[in-house]
Every structure is written in C-alpha cells, then in structure tokens.
Amino acid sequence: MDHLRRMPRWAVWLLGAIPLALLVWDLLTGQLGVDPIRDIEHRLGRTALYFLIGSLCFTPALRLFRVNLMRFRRPVGLIAFSYAVLHVTAWVVLDMGLLWQQLLRDIAKRPYLTLGMAAFAILALMAATSANRIVRRLGPVRWRRLHRLVYAAAPLAALHWLLSHKIWPTWGIGVGLVILALLALRLPVVRDTTTEFASKIRALRES
C-alpha cells in the first residue's frame, strides 16, 4: 500500500475524470442509446454516488485494515460533488430547459427529486467548507460535526436513485446495502466489534 500512499493528489483527480471522459466519448460516438439526455443524467448521478461511497471507505479501511489513505478522502469527496453538480446541471439545462417554476414544482411534488436536492445541498455545504482556511475558522470539532452530514447525504442520494425507478434495480439495492454497511461500521458497538475481530485476524496472520 506504500505506493498508493505516495500517489499525488492530482492523480486522484485524473482518475476521477475517467468516467466523464468515457461519457463524453460515448456521446460523441453515438453510444448513449435512444434517450441520451436520460443516460447523461443517470451516469453522472451514479458516478457521483459511487465516489460518495468511496469517500466513506477511508475511515473503515484505516480502522480495520490499518490502510491509511485519509489524505485522499477530501479529493474523492470533491470529485463526488463535482459529478453531482454535473448531474444537477444536466437535469436543469437539458431535461427541464431552465424552466425554473416547473423545476421547483417538480422538486416539491416528486419525493425522489426532494431527496436528491437535499443530498445535493449537503454535498454543496461540505464542499464549501472543505478548504483549509474554513477548517481553521470553524475549528476541528465543529468542522467534524458539520461533515458528519455525509452520513445523511449518502442514503439520501441512494434513495433518490432508487425512487427514480418504477422498479428498483438490483444493483441499486446492492449499493444501498453497501452504504448501510459503511454507516453501521461507525456505530460504537459495530465499530468496536469489527475492530477487535480485525485485530485478531492480523495477529493470527503475524503469528
């Protein structure tokens, strides 16, 4: 894992741009299917959710496997927000055609849009407070409390995805279960039990 820890942060951003590059390529080569606007929206939204899930993996990786990649948590979270911005922009511009009154009515009327915008608002708040100067101004305790809102953003985003389908996709349900598992690992009882179990496994390997 040493080579991963030495990886520069700009490489994380470069890797994060790959899904967008593939989407642009599929758009230019006509591989988006019969409803390209829907495909653009959905792929951007799913990518945002995947990176959001990725940002939740760093703490369990450190506690359970002693893999310290925490320096990459912020860029991964910001990449998730960047895709969320693109997702919302595609919906507002391509789907809704900048019809703001209709847009606001739909957000209020359709639960999956309400949940999605709530998740987006949380991600926007977290992105706005991610700079080092903001961290210093808020103080580490207040900043950590504020950024625990990610624990709400992830399930809200997953519900937004699932409720946007008439029939819940199996893959979407699996993603939701992964999020619940990652959140459960932060509960004191589960956290202490899994940490102790991981320590025993490491001790057996080293003996």
N, C-alpha and C. Protein backbone atom coordinates (compact mmCIF):
# COMPACT_ATOMS: atom_id res chain seq x y z
N MET A 1 0.81 -1.21 0.00
CA MET A 1 0.00 0.00 0.00
C MET A 1 0.85 1.27 0.00
N ASP A 2 2.16 1.13 0.17
CA ASP A 2 3.01 2.32 0.21
C ASP A 2 2.95 3.11 -1.08
N HIS A 3 2.84 2.40 -2.21
CA HIS A 3 2.78 3.12 -3.49
C HIS A 3 1.51 3.94 -3.62
N LEU A 4 0.41 3.45 -2.99
CA LEU A 4 -0.83 4.23 -3.01
C LEU A 4 -0.71 5.48 -2.15
N ARG A 5 -0.08 5.34 -0.99
CA ARG A 5 0.09 6.50 -0.10
C ARG A 5 0.97 7.57 -0.73
N ARG A 6 1.89 7.15 -1.59
CA ARG A 6 2.78 8.12 -2.24
C ARG A 6 2.16 8.75 -3.49
N MET A 7 1.01 8.28 -3.89
CA MET A 7 0.38 8.80 -5.10
C MET A 7 -0.02 10.26 -4.89
N PRO A 8 0.32 11.16 -5.83
CA PRO A 8 -0.06 12.57 -5.66
C PRO A 8 -1.56 12.77 -5.78
N ARG A 9 -2.05 13.83 -5.14
CA ARG A 9 -3.49 14.08 -5.16
C ARG A 9 -4.01 14.37 -6.56
N TRP A 10 -3.16 14.98 -7.42
CA TRP A 10 -3.64 15.27 -8.76
C TRP A 10 -3.95 13.99 -9.53
N ALA A 11 -3.30 12.88 -9.16
CA ALA A 11 -3.58 11.60 -9.81
C ALA A 11 -4.99 11.12 -9.46
N VAL A 12 -5.45 11.44 -8.24
CA VAL A 12 -6.82 11.09 -7.85
C VAL A 12 -7.82 11.83 -8.74
N TRP A 13 -7.55 13.11 -8.97
CA TRP A 13 -8.43 13.89 -9.85
C TRP A 13 -8.39 13.35 -11.27
N LEU A 14 -7.23 12.93 -11.71
CA LEU A 14 -7.11 12.38 -13.05
C LEU A 14 -7.93 11.10 -13.18
N LEU A 15 -7.83 10.23 -12.19
CA LEU A 15 -8.62 9.01 -12.19
C LEU A 15 -10.12 9.34 -12.10
N GLY A 16 -10.43 10.37 -11.34
CA GLY A 16 -11.83 10.76 -11.20
C GLY A 16 -12.43 11.29 -12.48
N ALA A 17 -11.60 11.78 -13.39
CA ALA A 17 -12.09 12.31 -14.66
C ALA A 17 -12.38 11.23 -15.69
N ILE A 18 -11.94 10.00 -15.42
CA ILE A 18 -12.13 8.92 -16.41
C ILE A 18 -13.60 8.66 -16.73
N PRO A 19 -14.49 8.55 -15.73
CA PRO A 19 -15.91 8.33 -16.08
C PRO A 19 -16.49 9.45 -16.94
N LEU A 20 -16.09 10.69 -16.69
CA LEU A 20 -16.57 11.80 -17.51
C LEU A 20 -16.03 11.69 -18.94
N ALA A 21 -14.76 11.32 -19.06
CA ALA A 21 -14.17 11.16 -20.39
C ALA A 21 -14.89 10.05 -21.17
N LEU A 22 -15.22 8.95 -20.49
CA LEU A 22 -15.94 7.87 -21.15
C LEU A 22 -17.34 8.31 -21.57
N LEU A 23 -17.98 9.12 -20.74
CA LEU A 23 -19.31 9.62 -21.08
C LEU A 23 -19.25 10.53 -22.30
N VAL A 24 -18.27 11.41 -22.33
CA VAL A 24 -18.11 12.30 -23.49
C VAL A 24 -17.83 11.48 -24.75
N TRP A 25 -16.99 10.47 -24.61
CA TRP A 25 -16.69 9.61 -25.76
C TRP A 25 -17.95 8.91 -26.28
N ASP A 26 -18.74 8.36 -25.36
CA ASP A 26 -19.99 7.70 -25.78
C ASP A 26 -20.95 8.68 -26.42
N LEU A 27 -20.97 9.92 -25.93
CA LEU A 27 -21.83 10.94 -26.53
C LEU A 27 -21.39 11.26 -27.95
N LEU A 28 -20.09 11.44 -28.13
CA LEU A 28 -19.56 11.81 -29.45
C LEU A 28 -19.68 10.68 -30.45
N THR A 29 -19.65 9.44 -29.98
CA THR A 29 -19.72 8.29 -30.88
C THR A 29 -21.13 7.70 -30.98
N GLY A 30 -22.11 8.38 -30.39
CA GLY A 30 -23.50 7.95 -30.50
C GLY A 30 -23.82 6.65 -29.81
N GLN A 31 -23.22 6.42 -28.64
CA GLN A 31 -23.43 5.16 -27.94
C GLN A 31 -24.27 5.32 -26.67
N LEU A 32 -25.06 6.38 -26.60
CA LEU A 32 -25.83 6.63 -25.39
C LEU A 32 -27.26 6.10 -25.43
N GLY A 33 -27.65 5.46 -26.52
CA GLY A 33 -28.98 4.87 -26.57
C GLY A 33 -30.02 5.84 -27.11
N VAL A 34 -31.28 5.44 -26.96
CA VAL A 34 -32.38 6.19 -27.58
C VAL A 34 -32.72 7.46 -26.81
N ASP A 35 -32.33 7.55 -25.56
CA ASP A 35 -32.61 8.74 -24.75
C ASP A 35 -31.29 9.24 -24.15
N PRO A 36 -30.50 9.95 -24.94
CA PRO A 36 -29.17 10.36 -24.44
C PRO A 36 -29.22 11.29 -23.25
N ILE A 37 -30.22 12.15 -23.16
CA ILE A 37 -30.31 13.06 -22.01
C ILE A 37 -30.48 12.27 -20.72
N ARG A 38 -31.35 11.28 -20.75
CA ARG A 38 -31.55 10.44 -19.56
C ARG A 38 -30.26 9.71 -19.20
N ASP A 39 -29.59 9.17 -20.23
CA ASP A 39 -28.36 8.43 -19.97
C ASP A 39 -27.28 9.34 -19.37
N ILE A 40 -27.18 10.55 -19.88
CA ILE A 40 -26.21 11.50 -19.33
C ILE A 40 -26.51 11.79 -17.86
N GLU A 41 -27.77 12.09 -17.57
CA GLU A 41 -28.16 12.38 -16.20
C GLU A 41 -27.86 11.20 -15.28
N HIS A 42 -28.29 10.01 -15.70
CA HIS A 42 -28.16 8.84 -14.83
C HIS A 42 -26.70 8.47 -14.61
N ARG A 43 -25.89 8.53 -15.65
CA ARG A 43 -24.49 8.16 -15.48
C ARG A 43 -23.75 9.15 -14.59
N LEU A 44 -24.03 10.42 -14.75
CA LEU A 44 -23.41 11.41 -13.88
C LEU A 44 -23.85 11.23 -12.43
N GLY A 45 -25.12 10.95 -12.23
CA GLY A 45 -25.62 10.75 -10.88
C GLY A 45 -25.05 9.51 -10.23
N ARG A 46 -25.00 8.41 -10.98
CA ARG A 46 -24.43 7.18 -10.42
C ARG A 46 -22.95 7.36 -10.09
N THR A 47 -22.23 8.05 -10.96
CA THR A 47 -20.81 8.28 -10.69
C THR A 47 -20.62 9.11 -9.42
N ALA A 48 -21.45 10.13 -9.24
CA ALA A 48 -21.39 10.93 -8.02
C ALA A 48 -21.61 10.05 -6.79
N LEU A 49 -22.59 9.15 -6.88
CA LEU A 49 -22.89 8.27 -5.74
C LEU A 49 -21.74 7.31 -5.48
N TYR A 50 -21.13 6.78 -6.53
CA TYR A 50 -20.01 5.85 -6.34
C TYR A 50 -18.84 6.52 -5.63
N PHE A 51 -18.52 7.75 -6.05
CA PHE A 51 -17.42 8.45 -5.39
C PHE A 51 -17.79 8.85 -3.98
N LEU A 52 -19.06 9.14 -3.75
CA LEU A 52 -19.50 9.44 -2.39
C LEU A 52 -19.33 8.21 -1.49
N ILE A 53 -19.68 7.05 -2.02
CA ILE A 53 -19.45 5.81 -1.27
C ILE A 53 -17.96 5.62 -1.03
N GLY A 54 -17.15 5.91 -2.04
CA GLY A 54 -15.70 5.79 -1.88
C GLY A 54 -15.18 6.65 -0.75
N SER A 55 -15.75 7.84 -0.59
CA SER A 55 -15.29 8.73 0.48
C SER A 55 -15.62 8.17 1.86
N LEU A 56 -16.61 7.27 1.93
CA LEU A 56 -16.98 6.66 3.21
C LEU A 56 -16.10 5.46 3.56
N CYS A 57 -15.28 5.02 2.63
CA CYS A 57 -14.48 3.81 2.84
C CYS A 57 -13.16 4.06 3.54
N PHE A 58 -12.70 5.30 3.58
CA PHE A 58 -11.35 5.56 4.09
C PHE A 58 -11.22 5.28 5.59
N THR A 59 -12.21 5.72 6.36
CA THR A 59 -12.13 5.50 7.82
C THR A 59 -12.20 4.02 8.17
N PRO A 60 -13.16 3.23 7.62
CA PRO A 60 -13.14 1.79 7.91
C PRO A 60 -11.86 1.11 7.46
N ALA A 61 -11.29 1.52 6.33
CA ALA A 61 -10.04 0.93 5.86
C ALA A 61 -8.92 1.16 6.86
N LEU A 62 -8.92 2.35 7.47
CA LEU A 62 -7.89 2.66 8.46
C LEU A 62 -8.10 1.86 9.74
N ARG A 63 -9.34 1.81 10.22
CA ARG A 63 -9.61 1.15 11.49
C ARG A 63 -9.49 -0.37 11.40
N LEU A 64 -9.95 -0.94 10.29
CA LEU A 64 -10.00 -2.40 10.20
C LEU A 64 -8.74 -3.00 9.60
N PHE A 65 -8.16 -2.31 8.61
CA PHE A 65 -7.05 -2.91 7.87
C PHE A 65 -5.74 -2.14 8.01
N ARG A 66 -5.77 -1.06 8.81
CA ARG A 66 -4.58 -0.22 9.01
C ARG A 66 -4.05 0.34 7.69
N VAL A 67 -4.95 0.60 6.76
CA VAL A 67 -4.59 1.20 5.48
C VAL A 67 -4.92 2.68 5.56
N ASN A 68 -3.91 3.52 5.66
CA ASN A 68 -4.11 4.95 5.87
C ASN A 68 -4.03 5.69 4.53
N LEU A 69 -5.19 5.95 3.96
CA LEU A 69 -5.28 6.73 2.72
C LEU A 69 -6.14 7.97 2.95
N MET A 70 -6.15 8.44 4.20
CA MET A 70 -7.04 9.54 4.56
C MET A 70 -6.75 10.83 3.79
N ARG A 71 -5.52 10.98 3.31
CA ARG A 71 -5.19 12.20 2.57
C ARG A 71 -5.95 12.32 1.26
N PHE A 72 -6.55 11.20 0.82
CA PHE A 72 -7.31 11.22 -0.43
C PHE A 72 -8.81 11.38 -0.21
N ARG A 73 -9.23 11.41 1.05
CA ARG A 73 -10.67 11.47 1.31
C ARG A 73 -11.28 12.77 0.80
N ARG A 74 -10.58 13.88 1.03
CA ARG A 74 -11.13 15.16 0.58
C ARG A 74 -11.25 15.24 -0.94
N PRO A 75 -10.20 14.92 -1.72
CA PRO A 75 -10.37 14.98 -3.17
C PRO A 75 -11.45 14.03 -3.68
N VAL A 76 -11.58 12.85 -3.09
CA VAL A 76 -12.64 11.93 -3.54
C VAL A 76 -14.02 12.53 -3.25
N GLY A 77 -14.16 13.14 -2.08
CA GLY A 77 -15.43 13.81 -1.78
C GLY A 77 -15.72 14.96 -2.72
N LEU A 78 -14.70 15.72 -3.07
CA LEU A 78 -14.90 16.83 -4.01
C LEU A 78 -15.20 16.33 -5.41
N ILE A 79 -14.63 15.21 -5.79
CA ILE A 79 -14.97 14.62 -7.09
C ILE A 79 -16.44 14.19 -7.10
N ALA A 80 -16.90 13.60 -5.99
CA ALA A 80 -18.30 13.23 -5.88
C ALA A 80 -19.19 14.45 -6.05
N PHE A 81 -18.83 15.56 -5.39
CA PHE A 81 -19.62 16.78 -5.52
C PHE A 81 -19.58 17.32 -6.95
N SER A 82 -18.43 17.23 -7.61
CA SER A 82 -18.30 17.72 -8.98
C SER A 82 -19.25 16.97 -9.91
N TYR A 83 -19.33 15.66 -9.75
CA TYR A 83 -20.26 14.89 -10.58
C TYR A 83 -21.71 15.19 -10.20
N ALA A 84 -21.96 15.47 -8.92
CA ALA A 84 -23.31 15.86 -8.52
C ALA A 84 -23.70 17.18 -9.17
N VAL A 85 -22.76 18.13 -9.25
CA VAL A 85 -23.03 19.40 -9.93
C VAL A 85 -23.36 19.16 -11.40
N LEU A 86 -22.58 18.31 -12.05
CA LEU A 86 -22.84 18.00 -13.46
C LEU A 86 -24.19 17.30 -13.63
N HIS A 87 -24.51 16.42 -12.70
CA HIS A 87 -25.80 15.71 -12.73
C HIS A 87 -26.97 16.69 -12.62
N VAL A 88 -26.90 17.58 -11.65
CA VAL A 88 -27.97 18.57 -11.46
C VAL A 88 -28.03 19.53 -12.64
N THR A 89 -26.87 19.95 -13.14
CA THR A 89 -26.82 20.86 -14.29
C THR A 89 -27.45 20.22 -15.52
N ALA A 90 -27.16 18.94 -15.75
CA ALA A 90 -27.75 18.24 -16.89
C ALA A 90 -29.26 18.19 -16.76
N TRP A 91 -29.75 17.95 -15.54
CA TRP A 91 -31.20 17.91 -15.33
C TRP A 91 -31.82 19.29 -15.54
N VAL A 92 -31.20 20.31 -14.98
CA VAL A 92 -31.77 21.66 -15.07
C VAL A 92 -31.75 22.18 -16.51
N VAL A 93 -30.66 21.97 -17.22
CA VAL A 93 -30.49 22.54 -18.56
C VAL A 93 -31.07 21.65 -19.64
N LEU A 94 -30.67 20.39 -19.65
CA LEU A 94 -31.06 19.51 -20.75
C LEU A 94 -32.47 18.96 -20.60
N ASP A 95 -32.84 18.61 -19.37
CA ASP A 95 -34.14 18.00 -19.13
C ASP A 95 -35.23 19.04 -18.91
N MET A 96 -34.98 19.96 -17.98
CA MET A 96 -36.00 20.96 -17.62
C MET A 96 -35.95 22.20 -18.50
N GLY A 97 -34.89 22.39 -19.27
CA GLY A 97 -34.81 23.55 -20.16
C GLY A 97 -34.84 24.88 -19.44
N LEU A 98 -34.30 24.92 -18.23
CA LEU A 98 -34.24 26.15 -17.42
C LEU A 98 -35.62 26.71 -17.10
N LEU A 99 -36.62 25.85 -17.06
CA LEU A 99 -37.97 26.27 -16.67
C LEU A 99 -38.04 26.22 -15.14
N TRP A 100 -37.68 27.32 -14.51
CA TRP A 100 -37.46 27.32 -13.07
C TRP A 100 -38.72 27.06 -12.26
N GLN A 101 -39.84 27.62 -12.69
CA GLN A 101 -41.08 27.40 -11.93
C GLN A 101 -41.49 25.94 -11.97
N GLN A 102 -41.42 25.34 -13.16
CA GLN A 102 -41.74 23.92 -13.28
C GLN A 102 -40.76 23.08 -12.49
N LEU A 103 -39.51 23.48 -12.51
CA LEU A 103 -38.46 22.77 -11.79
C LEU A 103 -38.76 22.75 -10.29
N LEU A 104 -39.09 23.90 -9.74
CA LEU A 104 -39.37 24.00 -8.30
C LEU A 104 -40.62 23.21 -7.94
N ARG A 105 -41.63 23.24 -8.82
CA ARG A 105 -42.84 22.45 -8.56
C ARG A 105 -42.53 20.96 -8.54
N ASP A 106 -41.68 20.53 -9.47
CA ASP A 106 -41.34 19.11 -9.52
C ASP A 106 -40.56 18.69 -8.28
N ILE A 107 -39.65 19.54 -7.81
CA ILE A 107 -38.89 19.21 -6.61
C ILE A 107 -39.82 19.04 -5.40
N ALA A 108 -40.81 19.92 -5.31
CA ALA A 108 -41.74 19.86 -4.19
C ALA A 108 -42.71 18.69 -4.31
N LYS A 109 -43.03 18.29 -5.55
CA LYS A 109 -44.06 17.28 -5.77
C LYS A 109 -43.52 15.87 -5.81
N ARG A 110 -42.30 15.70 -6.31
CA ARG A 110 -41.76 14.36 -6.53
C ARG A 110 -40.75 14.03 -5.43
N PRO A 111 -41.04 13.00 -4.60
CA PRO A 111 -40.14 12.69 -3.47
C PRO A 111 -38.70 12.41 -3.88
N TYR A 112 -38.50 11.73 -5.01
CA TYR A 112 -37.12 11.39 -5.37
C TYR A 112 -36.32 12.64 -5.71
N LEU A 113 -36.99 13.67 -6.25
CA LEU A 113 -36.29 14.93 -6.51
C LEU A 113 -36.02 15.68 -5.21
N THR A 114 -36.98 15.63 -4.29
CA THR A 114 -36.78 16.29 -2.99
C THR A 114 -35.58 15.69 -2.27
N LEU A 115 -35.51 14.36 -2.26
CA LEU A 115 -34.39 13.69 -1.60
C LEU A 115 -33.07 14.00 -2.31
N GLY A 116 -33.11 14.02 -3.64
CA GLY A 116 -31.90 14.30 -4.39
C GLY A 116 -31.37 15.70 -4.14
N MET A 117 -32.26 16.67 -4.09
CA MET A 117 -31.82 18.05 -3.84
C MET A 117 -31.34 18.22 -2.41
N ALA A 118 -31.93 17.48 -1.47
CA ALA A 118 -31.44 17.53 -0.09
C ALA A 118 -30.02 16.99 -0.01
N ALA A 119 -29.77 15.87 -0.69
CA ALA A 119 -28.42 15.31 -0.72
C ALA A 119 -27.45 16.28 -1.38
N PHE A 120 -27.88 16.92 -2.46
CA PHE A 120 -27.02 17.87 -3.17
C PHE A 120 -26.70 19.07 -2.29
N ALA A 121 -27.67 19.56 -1.54
CA ALA A 121 -27.44 20.70 -0.65
C ALA A 121 -26.40 20.35 0.41
N ILE A 122 -26.46 19.13 0.94
CA ILE A 122 -25.48 18.71 1.94
C ILE A 122 -24.09 18.65 1.32
N LEU A 123 -23.99 18.07 0.12
CA LEU A 123 -22.68 17.98 -0.54
C LEU A 123 -22.13 19.37 -0.86
N ALA A 124 -23.01 20.29 -1.24
CA ALA A 124 -22.57 21.65 -1.53
C ALA A 124 -22.02 22.31 -0.27
N LEU A 125 -22.70 22.11 0.86
CA LEU A 125 -22.23 22.68 2.12
C LEU A 125 -20.87 22.10 2.51
N MET A 126 -20.71 20.81 2.32
CA MET A 126 -19.44 20.17 2.66
C MET A 126 -18.32 20.64 1.74
N ALA A 127 -18.63 20.78 0.45
CA ALA A 127 -17.61 21.26 -0.49
C ALA A 127 -17.20 22.69 -0.15
N ALA A 128 -18.19 23.51 0.22
CA ALA A 128 -17.91 24.91 0.53
C ALA A 128 -17.07 25.07 1.79
N THR A 129 -17.08 24.06 2.65
CA THR A 129 -16.33 24.15 3.91
C THR A 129 -15.12 23.21 3.93
N SER A 130 -14.66 22.80 2.75
CA SER A 130 -13.56 21.85 2.68
C SER A 130 -12.19 22.51 2.64
N ALA A 131 -12.13 23.80 2.36
CA ALA A 131 -10.84 24.47 2.27
C ALA A 131 -10.18 24.56 3.65
N ASN A 132 -8.86 24.55 3.67
CA ASN A 132 -8.12 24.57 4.94
C ASN A 132 -8.44 25.82 5.76
N ARG A 133 -8.61 26.95 5.10
CA ARG A 133 -8.89 28.17 5.86
C ARG A 133 -10.25 28.09 6.54
N ILE A 134 -11.22 27.42 5.91
CA ILE A 134 -12.53 27.25 6.53
C ILE A 134 -12.43 26.30 7.71
N VAL A 135 -11.62 25.25 7.55
CA VAL A 135 -11.41 24.30 8.65
C VAL A 135 -10.83 25.02 9.86
N ARG A 136 -9.84 25.89 9.61
CA ARG A 136 -9.23 26.63 10.71
C ARG A 136 -10.23 27.59 11.35
N ARG A 137 -11.07 28.20 10.52
CA ARG A 137 -12.04 29.16 11.06
C ARG A 137 -13.11 28.47 11.90
N LEU A 138 -13.57 27.32 11.44
CA LEU A 138 -14.60 26.59 12.18
C LEU A 138 -14.04 25.89 13.41
N GLY A 139 -12.78 25.48 13.30
CA GLY A 139 -12.20 24.66 14.36
C GLY A 139 -12.44 23.19 14.06
N PRO A 140 -11.53 22.31 14.47
CA PRO A 140 -11.65 20.89 14.10
C PRO A 140 -12.90 20.22 14.62
N VAL A 141 -13.35 20.57 15.82
CA VAL A 141 -14.52 19.91 16.41
C VAL A 141 -15.78 20.28 15.63
N ARG A 142 -16.02 21.57 15.41
CA ARG A 142 -17.20 22.00 14.67
C ARG A 142 -17.15 21.50 13.24
N TRP A 143 -15.95 21.50 12.65
CA TRP A 143 -15.84 21.05 11.27
C TRP A 143 -16.19 19.57 11.14
N ARG A 144 -15.71 18.75 12.08
CA ARG A 144 -16.02 17.32 12.03
C ARG A 144 -17.52 17.08 12.22
N ARG A 145 -18.13 17.82 13.12
CA ARG A 145 -19.57 17.67 13.33
C ARG A 145 -20.34 18.03 12.06
N LEU A 146 -19.92 19.11 11.41
CA LEU A 146 -20.58 19.53 10.19
C LEU A 146 -20.45 18.47 9.10
N HIS A 147 -19.26 17.91 8.96
CA HIS A 147 -19.02 16.97 7.87
C HIS A 147 -19.56 15.57 8.15
N ARG A 148 -20.11 15.37 9.33
CA ARG A 148 -20.83 14.12 9.57
C ARG A 148 -22.15 14.09 8.81
N LEU A 149 -22.54 15.22 8.25
CA LEU A 149 -23.74 15.24 7.42
C LEU A 149 -23.62 14.32 6.21
N VAL A 150 -22.39 13.94 5.87
CA VAL A 150 -22.22 12.99 4.77
C VAL A 150 -22.94 11.69 5.07
N TYR A 151 -23.10 11.37 6.35
CA TYR A 151 -23.80 10.15 6.72
C TYR A 151 -25.28 10.23 6.36
N ALA A 152 -25.79 11.44 6.19
CA ALA A 152 -27.17 11.60 5.70
C ALA A 152 -27.20 11.72 4.17
N ALA A 153 -26.18 12.37 3.60
CA ALA A 153 -26.17 12.60 2.15
C ALA A 153 -26.14 11.29 1.38
N ALA A 154 -25.35 10.32 1.83
CA ALA A 154 -25.21 9.07 1.10
C ALA A 154 -26.53 8.29 1.00
N PRO A 155 -27.23 8.02 2.10
CA PRO A 155 -28.51 7.32 1.97
C PRO A 155 -29.56 8.13 1.23
N LEU A 156 -29.54 9.46 1.39
CA LEU A 156 -30.49 10.29 0.63
C LEU A 156 -30.24 10.16 -0.87
N ALA A 157 -28.97 10.17 -1.27
CA ALA A 157 -28.64 10.03 -2.69
C ALA A 157 -29.04 8.65 -3.20
N ALA A 158 -28.83 7.62 -2.39
CA ALA A 158 -29.21 6.27 -2.81
C ALA A 158 -30.73 6.15 -2.97
N LEU A 159 -31.48 6.72 -2.03
CA LEU A 159 -32.94 6.70 -2.14
C LEU A 159 -33.41 7.49 -3.36
N HIS A 160 -32.76 8.61 -3.63
CA HIS A 160 -33.07 9.40 -4.82
C HIS A 160 -32.92 8.54 -6.07
N TRP A 161 -31.84 7.78 -6.14
CA TRP A 161 -31.61 6.91 -7.29
C TRP A 161 -32.68 5.82 -7.38
N LEU A 162 -32.96 5.15 -6.26
CA LEU A 162 -33.91 4.04 -6.28
C LEU A 162 -35.32 4.50 -6.61
N LEU A 163 -35.74 5.61 -6.00
CA LEU A 163 -37.11 6.09 -6.21
C LEU A 163 -37.32 6.68 -7.60
N SER A 164 -36.23 6.99 -8.30
CA SER A 164 -36.37 7.49 -9.67
C SER A 164 -36.75 6.38 -10.64
N HIS A 165 -36.71 5.12 -10.18
CA HIS A 165 -37.10 3.97 -10.99
C HIS A 165 -38.45 3.43 -10.52
N LYS A 166 -39.27 3.01 -11.45
CA LYS A 166 -40.54 2.39 -11.08
C LYS A 166 -40.30 1.05 -10.40
N ILE A 167 -39.31 0.33 -10.91
CA ILE A 167 -38.91 -0.93 -10.29
C ILE A 167 -37.46 -0.78 -9.83
N TRP A 168 -37.23 -1.01 -8.56
CA TRP A 168 -35.89 -0.80 -8.02
C TRP A 168 -34.90 -1.76 -8.67
N PRO A 169 -33.83 -1.25 -9.26
CA PRO A 169 -32.82 -2.13 -9.86
C PRO A 169 -32.04 -2.88 -8.79
N THR A 170 -31.71 -4.13 -9.09
CA THR A 170 -30.98 -4.96 -8.13
C THR A 170 -29.65 -4.32 -7.74
N TRP A 171 -28.97 -3.75 -8.75
CA TRP A 171 -27.68 -3.10 -8.47
C TRP A 171 -27.86 -1.93 -7.51
N GLY A 172 -28.94 -1.16 -7.69
CA GLY A 172 -29.20 -0.03 -6.81
C GLY A 172 -29.47 -0.47 -5.38
N ILE A 173 -30.17 -1.58 -5.22
CA ILE A 173 -30.42 -2.12 -3.88
C ILE A 173 -29.09 -2.54 -3.24
N GLY A 174 -28.22 -3.17 -4.05
CA GLY A 174 -26.92 -3.56 -3.53
C GLY A 174 -26.10 -2.37 -3.08
N VAL A 175 -26.15 -1.29 -3.85
CA VAL A 175 -25.43 -0.06 -3.48
C VAL A 175 -25.98 0.49 -2.16
N GLY A 176 -27.30 0.45 -2.02
CA GLY A 176 -27.91 0.91 -0.77
C GLY A 176 -27.46 0.09 0.42
N LEU A 177 -27.33 -1.22 0.25
CA LEU A 177 -26.88 -2.08 1.33
C LEU A 177 -25.42 -1.80 1.69
N VAL A 178 -24.60 -1.50 0.68
CA VAL A 178 -23.20 -1.15 0.94
C VAL A 178 -23.14 0.12 1.79
N ILE A 179 -23.96 1.11 1.45
CA ILE A 179 -23.98 2.35 2.22
C ILE A 179 -24.40 2.08 3.65
N LEU A 180 -25.44 1.27 3.84
CA LEU A 180 -25.88 0.95 5.20
C LEU A 180 -24.78 0.23 5.98
N ALA A 181 -24.05 -0.65 5.31
CA ALA A 181 -22.95 -1.35 5.98
C ALA A 181 -21.85 -0.38 6.39
N LEU A 182 -21.50 0.55 5.52
CA LEU A 182 -20.46 1.52 5.83
C LEU A 182 -20.88 2.44 6.97
N LEU A 183 -22.16 2.77 7.01
CA LEU A 183 -22.65 3.61 8.11
C LEU A 183 -22.72 2.80 9.41
N ALA A 184 -23.08 1.52 9.31
CA ALA A 184 -23.16 0.69 10.51
C ALA A 184 -21.79 0.53 11.15
N LEU A 185 -20.74 0.52 10.33
CA LEU A 185 -19.39 0.38 10.87
C LEU A 185 -18.99 1.55 11.76
N ARG A 186 -19.75 2.63 11.69
CA ARG A 186 -19.45 3.79 12.52
C ARG A 186 -20.20 3.77 13.84
N LEU A 187 -21.13 2.85 14.01
CA LEU A 187 -21.81 2.70 15.29
C LEU A 187 -20.83 2.12 16.31
N PRO A 188 -20.82 2.64 17.53
CA PRO A 188 -19.81 2.21 18.51
C PRO A 188 -19.73 0.70 18.69
N VAL A 189 -20.87 0.03 18.84
CA VAL A 189 -20.86 -1.41 19.08
C VAL A 189 -20.28 -2.15 17.89
N VAL A 190 -20.76 -1.82 16.70
CA VAL A 190 -20.27 -2.49 15.49
C VAL A 190 -18.81 -2.14 15.25
N ARG A 191 -18.46 -0.88 15.43
CA ARG A 191 -17.09 -0.43 15.21
C ARG A 191 -16.12 -1.17 16.12
N ASP A 192 -16.44 -1.25 17.42
CA ASP A 192 -15.53 -1.89 18.37
C ASP A 192 -15.43 -3.40 18.08
N THR A 193 -16.56 -4.02 17.73
CA THR A 193 -16.56 -5.46 17.47
C THR A 193 -15.74 -5.79 16.23
N THR A 194 -15.96 -5.04 15.16
CA THR A 194 -15.24 -5.32 13.91
C THR A 194 -13.75 -4.99 14.05
N THR A 195 -13.43 -3.93 14.80
CA THR A 195 -12.03 -3.59 15.01
C THR A 195 -11.31 -4.68 15.80
N GLU A 196 -11.98 -5.20 16.83
CA GLU A 196 -11.38 -6.28 17.62
C GLU A 196 -11.20 -7.53 16.76
N PHE A 197 -12.20 -7.84 15.95
CA PHE A 197 -12.11 -9.02 15.08
C PHE A 197 -10.97 -8.86 14.08
N ALA A 198 -10.85 -7.67 13.48
CA ALA A 198 -9.77 -7.42 12.52
C ALA A 198 -8.40 -7.54 13.20
N SER A 199 -8.30 -7.09 14.45
CA SER A 199 -7.03 -7.18 15.19
C SER A 199 -6.66 -8.64 15.42
N LYS A 200 -7.65 -9.48 15.75
CA LYS A 200 -7.38 -10.90 15.95
C LYS A 200 -6.91 -11.56 14.66
N ILE A 201 -7.54 -11.19 13.55
CA ILE A 201 -7.14 -11.75 12.25
C ILE A 201 -5.71 -11.37 11.91
N ARG A 202 -5.34 -10.11 12.17
CA ARG A 202 -3.98 -9.67 11.90
C ARG A 202 -2.98 -10.39 12.80
N ALA A 203 -3.38 -10.61 14.06
CA ALA A 203 -2.50 -11.31 14.99
C ALA A 203 -2.27 -12.76 14.53
N LEU A 204 -3.31 -13.43 14.04
CA LEU A 204 -3.18 -14.79 13.55
C LEU A 204 -2.26 -14.84 12.33
N ARG A 205 -2.36 -13.85 11.47
CA ARG A 205 -1.51 -13.83 10.28
C ARG A 205 -0.05 -13.61 10.64
N GLU A 206 0.18 -12.80 11.67
CA GLU A 206 1.56 -12.47 12.04
C GLU A 206 2.22 -13.55 12.90
N SER A 207 1.38 -14.44 13.48
CA SER A 207 1.94 -15.48 14.37
C SER A 207 2.52 -16.65 13.58
